Amino acid sequence: MPKKKHFDFKKVLLIGSVPTVLGAVGFMAVNLATYINLPPRVLAVEKDTSDIKQLLFKQEVYNQAVQDILKQNNQEEVVYSPDGRFVWSQEENKWISRKEYEAR
């Protein structure tokens, strides 16, 4: 007579819990690595932001200097369209092409 197979619940529970525990440990390691790297990344972003602010300030100073030079030479300010293909004509009060403006 064949021997009756016995279902060992403890063995099944042990085999099933090992991958679950390993997955939880891996998940925690990934999350902890994210939080451990967070302060250096925040400092890098703050440095980049301060660099961008400095560049914008320099650009504003440069733009103001160019406008002052244009006013000293009694030249009108050149206003380009957002796509850069047209120039605003103060005399005609309309947009004209850059080629037409440069030909003047």
PDB file of N, CA and C in Angstrom:
ATOM      1  N   MET A   1       0.802  -1.161   0.000  1.00  0.00           N
ATOM      2  CA  MET A   1       0.000   0.000   0.000  1.00  0.00           C
ATOM      3  C   MET A   1       0.877   1.270   0.000  1.00  0.00           C
ATOM      4  N   PRO A   2       0.482   2.228  -0.879  1.00  0.00           N
ATOM      5  CA  PRO A   2       1.298   3.440  -0.907  1.00  0.00           C
ATOM      6  C   PRO A   2       1.139   4.231   0.386  1.00  0.00           C
ATOM      7  N   LYS A   3       2.241   4.859   0.695  1.00  0.00           N
ATOM      8  CA  LYS A   3       2.257   5.637   1.912  1.00  0.00           C
ATOM      9  C   LYS A   3       1.476   6.946   1.676  1.00  0.00           C
ATOM     10  N   LYS A   4       0.731   7.340   2.654  1.00  0.00           N
ATOM     11  CA  LYS A   4      -0.062   8.541   2.562  1.00  0.00           C
ATOM     12  C   LYS A   4       0.863   9.763   2.646  1.00  0.00           C
ATOM     13  N   LYS A   5       0.713  10.710   1.666  1.00  0.00           N
ATOM     14  CA  LYS A   5       1.569  11.895   1.658  1.00  0.00           C
ATOM     15  C   LYS A   5       1.044  12.875   2.701  1.00  0.00           C
ATOM     16  N   HIS A   6       1.988  13.389   3.399  1.00  0.00           N
ATOM     17  CA  HIS A   6       1.646  14.302   4.458  1.00  0.00           C
ATOM     18  C   HIS A   6       1.961  15.728   3.983  1.00  0.00           C
ATOM     19  N   PHE A   7       1.033  16.640   4.140  1.00  0.00           N
ATOM     20  CA  PHE A   7       1.202  18.040   3.745  1.00  0.00           C
ATOM     21  C   PHE A   7       1.854  18.777   4.896  1.00  0.00           C
ATOM     22  N   ASP A   8       3.089  19.281   4.653  1.00  0.00           N
ATOM     23  CA  ASP A   8       3.828  19.962   5.706  1.00  0.00           C
ATOM     24  C   ASP A   8       3.642  21.469   5.541  1.00  0.00           C
ATOM     25  N   PHE A   9       2.766  22.037   6.346  1.00  0.00           N
ATOM     26  CA  PHE A   9       2.426  23.450   6.243  1.00  0.00           C
ATOM     27  C   PHE A   9       3.619  24.337   6.607  1.00  0.00           C
ATOM     28  N   LYS A  10       4.431  23.944   7.573  1.00  0.00           N
ATOM     29  CA  LYS A  10       5.584  24.748   7.986  1.00  0.00           C
ATOM     30  C   LYS A  10       6.604  24.865   6.854  1.00  0.00           C
ATOM     31  N   LYS A  11       6.793  23.767   6.122  1.00  0.00           N
ATOM     32  CA  LYS A  11       7.754  23.780   5.018  1.00  0.00           C
ATOM     33  C   LYS A  11       7.273  24.710   3.895  1.00  0.00           C
ATOM     34  N   VAL A  12       5.994  24.661   3.560  1.00  0.00           N
ATOM     35  CA  VAL A  12       5.431  25.523   2.521  1.00  0.00           C
ATOM     36  C   VAL A  12       5.503  26.985   2.952  1.00  0.00           C
ATOM     37  N   LEU A  13       5.214  27.238   4.214  1.00  0.00           N
ATOM     38  CA  LEU A  13       5.281  28.598   4.732  1.00  0.00           C
ATOM     39  C   LEU A  13       6.713  29.127   4.682  1.00  0.00           C
ATOM     40  N   LEU A  14       7.677  28.326   5.018  1.00  0.00           N
ATOM     41  CA  LEU A  14       9.081  28.715   4.985  1.00  0.00           C
ATOM     42  C   LEU A  14       9.526  28.990   3.552  1.00  0.00           C
ATOM     43  N   ILE A  15       9.178  28.119   2.624  1.00  0.00           N
ATOM     44  CA  ILE A  15       9.557  28.308   1.222  1.00  0.00           C
ATOM     45  C   ILE A  15       8.891  29.556   0.646  1.00  0.00           C
ATOM     46  N   GLY A  16       7.679  29.830   1.018  1.00  0.00           N
ATOM     47  CA  GLY A  16       6.974  31.007   0.513  1.00  0.00           C
ATOM     48  C   GLY A  16       7.434  32.307   1.141  1.00  0.00           C
ATOM     49  N   SER A  17       7.932  32.240   2.359  1.00  0.00           N
ATOM     50  CA  SER A  17       8.313  33.478   3.035  1.00  0.00           C
ATOM     51  C   SER A  17       9.702  33.966   2.639  1.00  0.00           C
ATOM     52  N   VAL A  18      10.570  33.086   2.208  1.00  0.00           N
ATOM     53  CA  VAL A  18      11.934  33.498   1.859  1.00  0.00           C
ATOM     54  C   VAL A  18      11.936  34.519   0.711  1.00  0.00           C
ATOM     55  N   PRO A  19      11.266  34.270  -0.443  1.00  0.00           N
ATOM     56  CA  PRO A  19      11.270  35.288  -1.501  1.00  0.00           C
ATOM     57  C   PRO A  19      10.599  36.592  -1.067  1.00  0.00           C
ATOM     58  N   THR A  20       9.576  36.484  -0.232  1.00  0.00           N
ATOM     59  CA  THR A  20       8.895  37.679   0.238  1.00  0.00           C
ATOM     60  C   THR A  20       9.819  38.529   1.094  1.00  0.00           C
ATOM     61  N   VAL A  21      10.532  37.913   1.988  1.00  0.00           N
ATOM     62  CA  VAL A  21      11.464  38.642   2.850  1.00  0.00           C
ATOM     63  C   VAL A  21      12.597  39.241   2.029  1.00  0.00           C
ATOM     64  N   LEU A  22      13.144  38.488   1.084  1.00  0.00           N
ATOM     65  CA  LEU A  22      14.219  39.008   0.237  1.00  0.00           C
ATOM     66  C   LEU A  22      13.730  40.189  -0.601  1.00  0.00           C
ATOM     67  N   GLY A  23      12.504  40.095  -1.098  1.00  0.00           N
ATOM     68  CA  GLY A  23      11.939  41.210  -1.866  1.00  0.00           C
ATOM     69  C   GLY A  23      11.753  42.442  -1.003  1.00  0.00           C
ATOM     70  N   ALA A  24      11.286  42.260   0.221  1.00  0.00           N
ATOM     71  CA  ALA A  24      11.091  43.390   1.123  1.00  0.00           C
ATOM     72  C   ALA A  24      12.426  44.037   1.477  1.00  0.00           C
ATOM     73  N   VAL A  25      13.452  43.234   1.700  1.00  0.00           N
ATOM     74  CA  VAL A  25      14.779  43.772   2.010  1.00  0.00           C
ATOM     75  C   VAL A  25      15.321  44.547   0.809  1.00  0.00           C
ATOM     76  N   GLY A  26      15.144  44.014  -0.389  1.00  0.00           N
ATOM     77  CA  GLY A  26      15.589  44.713  -1.597  1.00  0.00           C
ATOM     78  C   GLY A  26      14.850  46.025  -1.794  1.00  0.00           C
ATOM     79  N   PHE A  27      13.548  46.005  -1.581  1.00  0.00           N
ATOM     80  CA  PHE A  27      12.731  47.219  -1.715  1.00  0.00           C
ATOM     81  C   PHE A  27      13.185  48.285  -0.725  1.00  0.00           C
ATOM     82  N   MET A  28      13.436  47.880   0.516  1.00  0.00           N
ATOM     83  CA  MET A  28      13.900  48.828   1.531  1.00  0.00           C
ATOM     84  C   MET A  28      15.277  49.380   1.171  1.00  0.00           C
ATOM     85  N   ALA A  29      16.154  48.537   0.617  1.00  0.00           N
ATOM     86  CA  ALA A  29      17.494  49.006   0.243  1.00  0.00           C
ATOM     87  C   ALA A  29      17.418  50.056  -0.857  1.00  0.00           C
ATOM     88  N   VAL A  30      16.550  49.837  -1.834  1.00  0.00           N
ATOM     89  CA  VAL A  30      16.401  50.806  -2.923  1.00  0.00           C
ATOM     90  C   VAL A  30      15.846  52.125  -2.394  1.00  0.00           C
ATOM     91  N   ASN A  31      14.844  52.060  -1.549  1.00  0.00           N
ATOM     92  CA  ASN A  31      14.268  53.292  -0.993  1.00  0.00           C
ATOM     93  C   ASN A  31      15.262  54.025  -0.094  1.00  0.00           C
ATOM     94  N   LEU A  32      16.005  53.302   0.702  1.00  0.00           N
ATOM     95  CA  LEU A  32      16.998  53.945   1.550  1.00  0.00           C
ATOM     96  C   LEU A  32      18.093  54.588   0.713  1.00  0.00           C
ATOM     97  N   ALA A  33      18.503  53.943  -0.367  1.00  0.00           N
ATOM     98  CA  ALA A  33      19.529  54.533  -1.239  1.00  0.00           C
ATOM     99  C   ALA A  33      19.027  55.834  -1.843  1.00  0.00           C
ATOM    100  N   THR A  34      17.742  55.898  -2.163  1.00  0.00           N
ATOM    101  CA  THR A  34      17.163  57.130  -2.709  1.00  0.00           C
ATOM    102  C   THR A  34      17.238  58.249  -1.679  1.00  0.00           C
ATOM    103  N   TYR A  35      16.877  57.970  -0.451  1.00  0.00           N
ATOM    104  CA  TYR A  35      16.900  58.997   0.584  1.00  0.00           C
ATOM    105  C   TYR A  35      18.310  59.342   1.025  1.00  0.00           C
ATOM    106  N   ILE A  36      19.238  58.406   0.923  1.00  0.00           N
ATOM    107  CA  ILE A  36      20.626  58.691   1.278  1.00  0.00           C
ATOM    108  C   ILE A  36      21.238  59.639   0.250  1.00  0.00           C
ATOM    109  N   ASN A  37      20.894  59.474  -1.034  1.00  0.00           N
ATOM    110  CA  ASN A  37      21.437  60.325  -2.097  1.00  0.00           C
ATOM    111  C   ASN A  37      20.697  61.649  -2.225  1.00  0.00           C
ATOM    112  N   LEU A  38      19.641  61.855  -1.504  1.00  0.00           N
ATOM    113  CA  LEU A  38      18.823  63.059  -1.647  1.00  0.00           C
ATOM    114  C   LEU A  38      19.562  64.351  -1.281  1.00  0.00           C
ATOM    115  N   PRO A  39      20.256  64.458  -0.149  1.00  0.00           N
ATOM    116  CA  PRO A  39      20.927  65.726   0.185  1.00  0.00           C
ATOM    117  C   PRO A  39      21.945  66.188  -0.863  1.00  0.00           C
ATOM    118  N   PRO A  40      22.818  65.321  -1.391  1.00  0.00           N
ATOM    119  CA  PRO A  40      23.752  65.809  -2.426  1.00  0.00           C
ATOM    120  C   PRO A  40      23.021  66.283  -3.682  1.00  0.00           C
ATOM    121  N   ARG A  41      21.928  65.612  -4.044  1.00  0.00           N
ATOM    122  CA  ARG A  41      21.176  66.032  -5.229  1.00  0.00           C
ATOM    123  C   ARG A  41      20.510  67.377  -4.991  1.00  0.00           C
ATOM    124  N   VAL A  42      20.014  67.615  -3.783  1.00  0.00           N
ATOM    125  CA  VAL A  42      19.392  68.903  -3.472  1.00  0.00           C
ATOM    126  C   VAL A  42      20.434  70.013  -3.527  1.00  0.00           C
ATOM    127  N   LEU A  43      21.621  69.753  -3.001  1.00  0.00           N
ATOM    128  CA  LEU A  43      22.689  70.750  -3.055  1.00  0.00           C
ATOM    129  C   LEU A  43      23.080  71.049  -4.500  1.00  0.00           C
ATOM    130  N   ALA A  44      23.131  70.022  -5.344  1.00  0.00           N
ATOM    131  CA  ALA A  44      23.474  70.235  -6.750  1.00  0.00           C
ATOM    132  C   ALA A  44      22.417  71.083  -7.451  1.00  0.00           C
ATOM    133  N   VAL A  45      21.150  70.832  -7.146  1.00  0.00           N
ATOM    134  CA  VAL A  45      20.070  71.622  -7.753  1.00  0.00           C
ATOM    135  C   VAL A  45      20.131  73.068  -7.271  1.00  0.00           C
ATOM    136  N   GLU A  46      20.419  73.277  -5.988  1.00  0.00           N
ATOM    137  CA  GLU A  46      20.528  74.638  -5.470  1.00  0.00           C
ATOM    138  C   GLU A  46      21.690  75.375  -6.127  1.00  0.00           C
ATOM    139  N   LYS A  47      22.808  74.699  -6.348  1.00  0.00           N
ATOM    140  CA  LYS A  47      23.948  75.320  -7.011  1.00  0.00           C
ATOM    141  C   LYS A  47      23.586  75.689  -8.451  1.00  0.00           C
ATOM    142  N   ASP A  48      22.919  74.773  -9.159  1.00  0.00           N
ATOM    143  CA  ASP A  48      22.499  75.063 -10.531  1.00  0.00           C
ATOM    144  C   ASP A  48      21.547  76.252 -10.568  1.00  0.00           C
ATOM    145  N   THR A  49      20.645  76.323  -9.614  1.00  0.00           N
ATOM    146  CA  THR A  49      19.690  77.428  -9.560  1.00  0.00           C
ATOM    147  C   THR A  49      20.411  78.751  -9.324  1.00  0.00           C
ATOM    148  N   SER A  50      21.376  78.759  -8.428  1.00  0.00           N
ATOM    149  CA  SER A  50      22.118  80.006  -8.177  1.00  0.00           C
ATOM    150  C   SER A  50      22.931  80.399  -9.406  1.00  0.00           C
ATOM    151  N   ASP A  51      23.493  79.418 -10.126  1.00  0.00           N
ATOM    152  CA  ASP A  51      24.225  79.724 -11.359  1.00  0.00           C
ATOM    153  C   ASP A  51      23.303  80.339 -12.399  1.00  0.00           C
ATOM    154  N   ILE A  52      22.110  79.808 -12.521  1.00  0.00           N
ATOM    155  CA  ILE A  52      21.144  80.339 -13.494  1.00  0.00           C
ATOM    156  C   ILE A  52      20.736  81.756 -13.112  1.00  0.00           C
ATOM    157  N   LYS A  53      20.525  82.015 -11.818  1.00  0.00           N
ATOM    158  CA  LYS A  53      20.181  83.371 -11.369  1.00  0.00           C
ATOM    159  C   LYS A  53      21.295  84.354 -11.696  1.00  0.00           C
ATOM    160  N   GLN A  54      22.550  83.929 -11.494  1.00  0.00           N
ATOM    161  CA  GLN A  54      23.673  84.802 -11.815  1.00  0.00           C
ATOM    162  C   GLN A  54      23.730  85.086 -13.316  1.00  0.00           C
ATOM    163  N   LEU A  55      23.497  84.066 -14.134  1.00  0.00           N
ATOM    164  CA  LEU A  55      23.504  84.270 -15.579  1.00  0.00           C
ATOM    165  C   LEU A  55      22.390  85.216 -16.013  1.00  0.00           C
ATOM    166  N   LEU A  56      21.214  85.065 -15.418  1.00  0.00           N
ATOM    167  CA  LEU A  56      20.110  85.965 -15.753  1.00  0.00           C
ATOM    168  C   LEU A  56      20.430  87.402 -15.351  1.00  0.00           C
ATOM    169  N   PHE A  57      21.047  87.574 -14.200  1.00  0.00           N
ATOM    170  CA  PHE A  57      21.420  88.923 -13.770  1.00  0.00           C
ATOM    171  C   PHE A  57      22.428  89.540 -14.739  1.00  0.00           C
ATOM    172  N   LYS A  58      23.434  88.759 -15.138  1.00  0.00           N
ATOM    173  CA  LYS A  58      24.419  89.252 -16.099  1.00  0.00           C
ATOM    174  C   LYS A  58      23.760  89.607 -17.421  1.00  0.00           C
ATOM    175  N   GLN A  59      22.810  88.789 -17.854  1.00  0.00           N
ATOM    176  CA  GLN A  59      22.107  89.060 -19.108  1.00  0.00           C
ATOM    177  C   GLN A  59      21.296  90.347 -19.012  1.00  0.00           C
ATOM    178  N   GLU A  60      20.641  90.576 -17.874  1.00  0.00           N
ATOM    179  CA  GLU A  60      19.885  91.818 -17.686  1.00  0.00           C
ATOM    180  C   GLU A  60      20.810  93.032 -17.736  1.00  0.00           C
ATOM    181  N   VAL A  61      21.983  92.923 -17.093  1.00  0.00           N
ATOM    182  CA  VAL A  61      22.943  94.025 -17.115  1.00  0.00           C
ATOM    183  C   VAL A  61      23.412  94.278 -18.544  1.00  0.00           C
ATOM    184  N   TYR A  62      23.692  93.217 -19.268  1.00  0.00           N
ATOM    185  CA  TYR A  62      24.134  93.345 -20.659  1.00  0.00           C
ATOM    186  C   TYR A  62      23.041  93.976 -21.523  1.00  0.00           C
ATOM    187  N   ASN A  63      21.824  93.518 -21.342  1.00  0.00           N
ATOM    188  CA  ASN A  63      20.716  94.077 -22.127  1.00  0.00           C
ATOM    189  C   ASN A  63      20.532  95.568 -21.830  1.00  0.00           C
ATOM    190  N   GLN A  64      20.644  95.937 -20.567  1.00  0.00           N
ATOM    191  CA  GLN A  64      20.504  97.350 -20.207  1.00  0.00           C
ATOM    192  C   GLN A  64      21.634  98.168 -20.825  1.00  0.00           C
ATOM    193  N   ALA A  65      22.852  97.636 -20.835  1.00  0.00           N
ATOM    194  CA  ALA A  65      23.981  98.357 -21.430  1.00  0.00           C
ATOM    195  C   ALA A  65      23.768  98.544 -22.931  1.00  0.00           C
ATOM    196  N   VAL A  66      23.268  97.532 -23.599  1.00  0.00           N
ATOM    197  CA  VAL A  66      22.998  97.632 -25.038  1.00  0.00           C
ATOM    198  C   VAL A  66      21.918  98.685 -25.291  1.00  0.00           C
ATOM    199  N   GLN A  67      20.881  98.691 -24.476  1.00  0.00           N
ATOM    200  CA  GLN A  67      19.819  99.684 -24.639  1.00  0.00           C
ATOM    201  C   GLN A  67      20.352 101.098 -24.408  1.00  0.00           C
ATOM    202  N   ASP A  68      21.235 101.261 -23.438  1.00  0.00           N
ATOM    203  CA  ASP A  68      21.836 102.574 -23.197  1.00  0.00           C
ATOM    204  C   ASP A  68      22.668 103.021 -24.393  1.00  0.00           C
ATOM    205  N   ILE A  69      23.415 102.100 -24.970  1.00  0.00           N
ATOM    206  CA  ILE A  69      24.227 102.438 -26.150  1.00  0.00           C
ATOM    207  C   ILE A  69      23.321 102.832 -27.310  1.00  0.00           C
ATOM    208  N   LEU A  70      22.237 102.092 -27.490  1.00  0.00           N
ATOM    209  CA  LEU A  70      21.311 102.428 -28.570  1.00  0.00           C
ATOM    210  C   LEU A  70      20.692 103.801 -28.358  1.00  0.00           C
ATOM    211  N   LYS A  71      20.348 104.135 -27.119  1.00  0.00           N
ATOM    212  CA  LYS A  71      19.753 105.438 -26.842  1.00  0.00           C
ATOM    213  C   LYS A  71      20.766 106.562 -27.049  1.00  0.00           C
ATOM    214  N   GLN A  72      22.035 106.307 -26.719  1.00  0.00           N
ATOM    215  CA  GLN A  72      23.070 107.311 -26.926  1.00  0.00           C
ATOM    216  C   GLN A  72      23.275 107.591 -28.414  1.00  0.00           C
ATOM    217  N   ASN A  73      23.156 106.574 -29.231  1.00  0.00           N
ATOM    218  CA  ASN A  73      23.341 106.734 -30.676  1.00  0.00           C
ATOM    219  C   ASN A  73      22.057 107.160 -31.371  1.00  0.00           C
ATOM    220  N   ASN A  74      21.022 107.437 -30.586  1.00  0.00           N
ATOM    221  CA  ASN A  74      19.717 107.834 -31.117  1.00  0.00           C
ATOM    222  C   ASN A  74      19.153 106.803 -32.096  1.00  0.00           C
ATOM    223  N   GLN A  75      19.398 105.570 -31.825  1.00  0.00           N
ATOM    224  CA  GLN A  75      18.832 104.503 -32.643  1.00  0.00           C
ATOM    225  C   GLN A  75      17.622 103.950 -31.915  1.00  0.00           C
ATOM    226  N   GLU A  76      16.682 103.496 -32.704  1.00  0.00           N
ATOM    227  CA  GLU A  76      15.499 102.912 -32.081  1.00  0.00           C
ATOM    228  C   GLU A  76      15.787 101.458 -31.691  1.00  0.00           C
ATOM    229  N   GLU A  77      15.073 101.015 -30.703  1.00  0.00           N
ATOM    230  CA  GLU A  77      15.227  99.637 -30.231  1.00  0.00           C
ATOM    231  C   GLU A  77      14.625  98.694 -31.265  1.00  0.00           C
ATOM    232  N   VAL A  78      15.349  97.626 -31.567  1.00  0.00           N
ATOM    233  CA  VAL A  78      14.876  96.639 -32.535  1.00  0.00           C
ATOM    234  C   VAL A  78      14.089  95.583 -31.785  1.00  0.00           C
ATOM    235  N   VAL A  79      12.826  95.397 -32.175  1.00  0.00           N
ATOM    236  CA  VAL A  79      11.956  94.418 -31.530  1.00  0.00           C
ATOM    237  C   VAL A  79      11.685  93.313 -32.539  1.00  0.00           C
ATOM    238  N   TYR A  80      12.139  92.111 -32.204  1.00  0.00           N
ATOM    239  CA  TYR A  80      11.947  90.963 -33.083  1.00  0.00           C
ATOM    240  C   TYR A  80      10.710  90.190 -32.662  1.00  0.00           C
ATOM    241  N   SER A  81      10.100  89.506 -33.627  1.00  0.00           N
ATOM    242  CA  SER A  81       8.960  88.643 -33.327  1.00  0.00           C
ATOM    243  C   SER A  81       9.465  87.409 -32.584  1.00  0.00           C
ATOM    244  N   PRO A  82       8.572  86.670 -31.925  1.00  0.00           N
ATOM    245  CA  PRO A  82       9.023  85.493 -31.170  1.00  0.00           C
ATOM    246  C   PRO A  82       9.751  84.453 -32.034  1.00  0.00           C
ATOM    247  N   ASP A  83       9.358  84.327 -33.299  1.00  0.00           N
ATOM    248  CA  ASP A  83      10.045  83.362 -34.160  1.00  0.00           C
ATOM    249  C   ASP A  83      11.290  83.968 -34.803  1.00  0.00           C
ATOM    250  N   GLY A  84      11.495  85.281 -34.681  1.00  0.00           N
ATOM    251  CA  GLY A  84      12.686  85.931 -35.173  1.00  0.00           C
ATOM    252  C   GLY A  84      12.681  86.249 -36.655  1.00  0.00           C
ATOM    253  N   ARG A  85      11.576  86.076 -37.326  1.00  0.00           N
ATOM    254  CA  ARG A  85      11.522  86.318 -38.765  1.00  0.00           C
ATOM    255  C   ARG A  85      11.073  87.739 -39.104  1.00  0.00           C
ATOM    256  N   PHE A  86      10.466  88.451 -38.163  1.00  0.00           N
ATOM    257  CA  PHE A  86       9.935  89.773 -38.444  1.00  0.00           C
ATOM    258  C   PHE A  86      10.473  90.788 -37.434  1.00  0.00           C
ATOM    259  N   VAL A  87      10.440  92.062 -37.842  1.00  0.00           N
ATOM    260  CA  VAL A  87      10.882  93.166 -37.001  1.00  0.00           C
ATOM    261  C   VAL A  87       9.743  94.177 -36.931  1.00  0.00           C
ATOM    262  N   TRP A  88       9.516  94.754 -35.743  1.00  0.00           N
ATOM    263  CA  TRP A  88       8.460  95.743 -35.579  1.00  0.00           C
ATOM    264  C   TRP A  88       8.963  97.103 -36.060  1.00  0.00           C
ATOM    265  N   SER A  89       8.227  97.691 -36.996  1.00  0.00           N
ATOM    266  CA  SER A  89       8.563  99.003 -37.537  1.00  0.00           C
ATOM    267  C   SER A  89       7.755 100.054 -36.788  1.00  0.00           C
ATOM    268  N   GLN A  90       8.459 100.945 -36.076  1.00  0.00           N
ATOM    269  CA  GLN A  90       7.771 101.994 -35.322  1.00  0.00           C
ATOM    270  C   GLN A  90       7.153 103.036 -36.255  1.00  0.00           C
ATOM    271  N   GLU A  91       7.784 103.236 -37.412  1.00  0.00           N
ATOM    272  CA  GLU A  91       7.281 104.240 -38.349  1.00  0.00           C
ATOM    273  C   GLU A  91       5.963 103.807 -38.974  1.00  0.00           C
ATOM    274  N   GLU A  92       5.915 102.527 -39.385  1.00  0.00           N
ATOM    275  CA  GLU A  92       4.721 102.035 -40.075  1.00  0.00           C
ATOM    276  C   GLU A  92       3.735 101.347 -39.141  1.00  0.00           C
ATOM    277  N   ASN A  93       4.158 101.098 -37.911  1.00  0.00           N
ATOM    278  CA  ASN A  93       3.339 100.385 -36.921  1.00  0.00           C
ATOM    279  C   ASN A  93       2.842  99.038 -37.438  1.00  0.00           C
ATOM    280  N   LYS A  94       3.774  98.268 -37.973  1.00  0.00           N
ATOM    281  CA  LYS A  94       3.443  96.904 -38.416  1.00  0.00           C
ATOM    282  C   LYS A  94       4.719  96.079 -38.451  1.00  0.00           C
ATOM    283  N   TRP A  95       4.542  94.766 -38.579  1.00  0.00           N
ATOM    284  CA  TRP A  95       5.663  93.850 -38.667  1.00  0.00           C
ATOM    285  C   TRP A  95       6.180  93.833 -40.098  1.00  0.00           C
ATOM    286  N   ILE A  96       7.502  93.956 -40.253  1.00  0.00           N
ATOM    287  CA  ILE A  96       8.110  93.832 -41.573  1.00  0.00           C
ATOM    288  C   ILE A  96       9.154  92.723 -41.506  1.00  0.00           C
ATOM    289  N   SER A  97       9.508  92.161 -42.648  1.00  0.00           N
ATOM    290  CA  SER A  97      10.470  91.057 -42.649  1.00  0.00           C
ATOM    291  C   SER A  97      11.862  91.578 -42.315  1.00  0.00           C
ATOM    292  N   ARG A  98      12.700  90.700 -41.837  1.00  0.00           N
ATOM    293  CA  ARG A  98      14.058  91.094 -41.466  1.00  0.00           C
ATOM    294  C   ARG A  98      14.839  91.550 -42.680  1.00  0.00           C
ATOM    295  N   LYS A  99      14.629  90.873 -43.817  1.00  0.00           N
ATOM    296  CA  LYS A  99      15.346  91.243 -45.036  1.00  0.00           C
ATOM    297  C   LYS A  99      14.990  92.675 -45.451  1.00  0.00           C
ATOM    298  N   GLU A 100      13.707  93.006 -45.360  1.00  0.00           N
ATOM    299  CA  GLU A 100      13.266  94.349 -45.709  1.00  0.00           C
ATOM    300  C   GLU A 100      13.849  95.367 -44.731  1.00  0.00           C
ATOM    301  N   TYR A 101      13.906  95.011 -43.447  1.00  0.00           N
ATOM    302  CA  TYR A 101      14.446  95.921 -42.437  1.00  0.00           C
ATOM    303  C   TYR A 101      15.939  96.159 -42.662  1.00  0.00           C
ATOM    304  N   GLU A 102      16.676  95.080 -42.957  1.00  0.00           N
ATOM    305  CA  GLU A 102      18.119  95.197 -43.154  1.00  0.00           C
ATOM    306  C   GLU A 102      18.454  95.917 -44.450  1.00  0.00           C
ATOM    307  N   ALA A 103      17.544  95.887 -45.428  1.00  0.00           N
ATOM    308  CA  ALA A 103      17.788  96.572 -46.694  1.00  0.00           C
ATOM    309  C   ALA A 103      17.675  98.090 -46.548  1.00  0.00           C
ATOM    310  N   ARG A 104      17.038  98.564 -45.496  1.00  0.00           N
ATOM    311  CA  ARG A 104      16.849 100.011 -45.301  1.00  0.00           C
ATOM    312  C   ARG A 104      18.131 100.703 -44.947  1.00  0.00           C
TER     313      ARG A 104
END
